[in-house]
Amino acid sequence: MNAQEIKNLIPHGYGKVIAERAKVTPRTVSLFLTGKSKSIKVEMAALEVLAELNTKKNTLSQKIK
């Protein structure tokens, strides 16, 4: 998954969450998501956040059924 694909999946406002998780500035996350820099720390944090959001979404969907 590249930075653009991650950016398209990250909900608005989660850049700060990713920054806190990766222990970097929100600007670093922004640069990563726009493809202007590369950071394995940011990429891993973003993928972790996406996985958690996916799990939460699936759990809530199961409760509705």
Protein backbone atom coordinates (compact mmCIF):
# COMPACT_ATOMS: atom_id res chain seq x y z
CA MET A 1 0.00 0.00 0.00
CA ASN A 2 1.49 3.35 -0.97
CA ALA A 3 1.16 6.71 0.79
CA GLN A 4 -1.66 7.89 -1.50
CA GLU A 5 -3.72 4.78 -0.79
CA ILE A 6 -3.17 5.23 2.94
CA LYS A 7 -4.12 8.92 2.68
CA ASN A 8 -7.38 8.00 0.95
CA LEU A 9 -8.30 5.60 3.76
CA ILE A 10 -7.34 7.77 6.75
CA PRO A 11 -10.32 9.69 8.16
CA HIS A 12 -9.97 13.45 8.51
CA GLY A 13 -8.25 14.38 11.75
CA TYR A 14 -6.32 11.15 12.19
CA GLY A 15 -3.02 12.70 11.16
CA LYS A 16 -2.54 13.82 14.73
CA VAL A 17 -3.26 10.32 16.03
CA ILE A 18 -0.72 8.89 13.62
CA ALA A 19 1.83 11.54 14.61
CA GLU A 20 1.41 10.73 18.30
CA ARG A 21 1.70 7.00 17.61
CA ALA A 22 4.86 7.46 15.50
CA LYS A 23 6.28 10.08 17.87
CA VAL A 24 6.69 12.60 15.06
CA THR A 25 5.13 15.96 14.23
CA PRO A 26 1.85 16.24 12.34
CA ARG A 27 3.85 17.98 9.60
CA THR A 28 5.94 14.81 9.16
CA VAL A 29 2.74 12.80 8.73
CA SER A 30 1.43 15.33 6.22
CA LEU A 31 4.64 15.16 4.21
CA PHE A 32 4.44 11.37 4.18
CA LEU A 33 0.80 11.28 3.12
CA THR A 34 1.43 13.72 0.27
CA GLY A 35 4.38 11.67 -0.93
CA LYS A 36 6.96 14.38 -0.22
CA SER A 37 8.90 12.25 2.27
CA LYS A 38 9.22 8.65 3.35
CA SER A 39 9.08 7.41 6.91
CA ILE A 40 8.76 3.82 8.00
CA LYS A 41 7.65 5.01 11.46
CA VAL A 42 4.79 7.01 9.97
CA GLU A 43 3.85 4.25 7.55
CA MET A 44 3.70 1.64 10.31
CA ALA A 45 1.71 3.93 12.62
CA ALA A 46 -0.75 4.73 9.82
CA LEU A 47 -1.24 1.06 9.01
CA GLU A 48 -1.79 0.27 12.70
CA VAL A 49 -4.42 3.02 12.95
CA LEU A 50 -6.14 1.74 9.80
CA ALA A 51 -6.18 -1.81 11.18
CA GLU A 52 -7.68 -0.62 14.46
CA LEU A 53 -10.35 1.41 12.65
CA ASN A 54 -11.18 -1.59 10.48
CA THR A 55 -11.53 -3.84 13.52
CA LYS A 56 -13.72 -1.29 15.27
CA LYS A 57 -15.90 -0.90 12.17
CA ASN A 58 -16.35 -4.67 11.86
CA THR A 59 -17.19 -5.01 15.55
CA LEU A 60 -19.83 -2.29 15.34
CA SER A 61 -21.27 -3.79 12.16
CA GLN A 62 -21.67 -7.12 13.93
CA LYS A 63 -23.60 -5.45 16.74
CA ILE A 64 -26.06 -3.96 14.25
CA LYS A 65 -26.86 -7.32 12.63
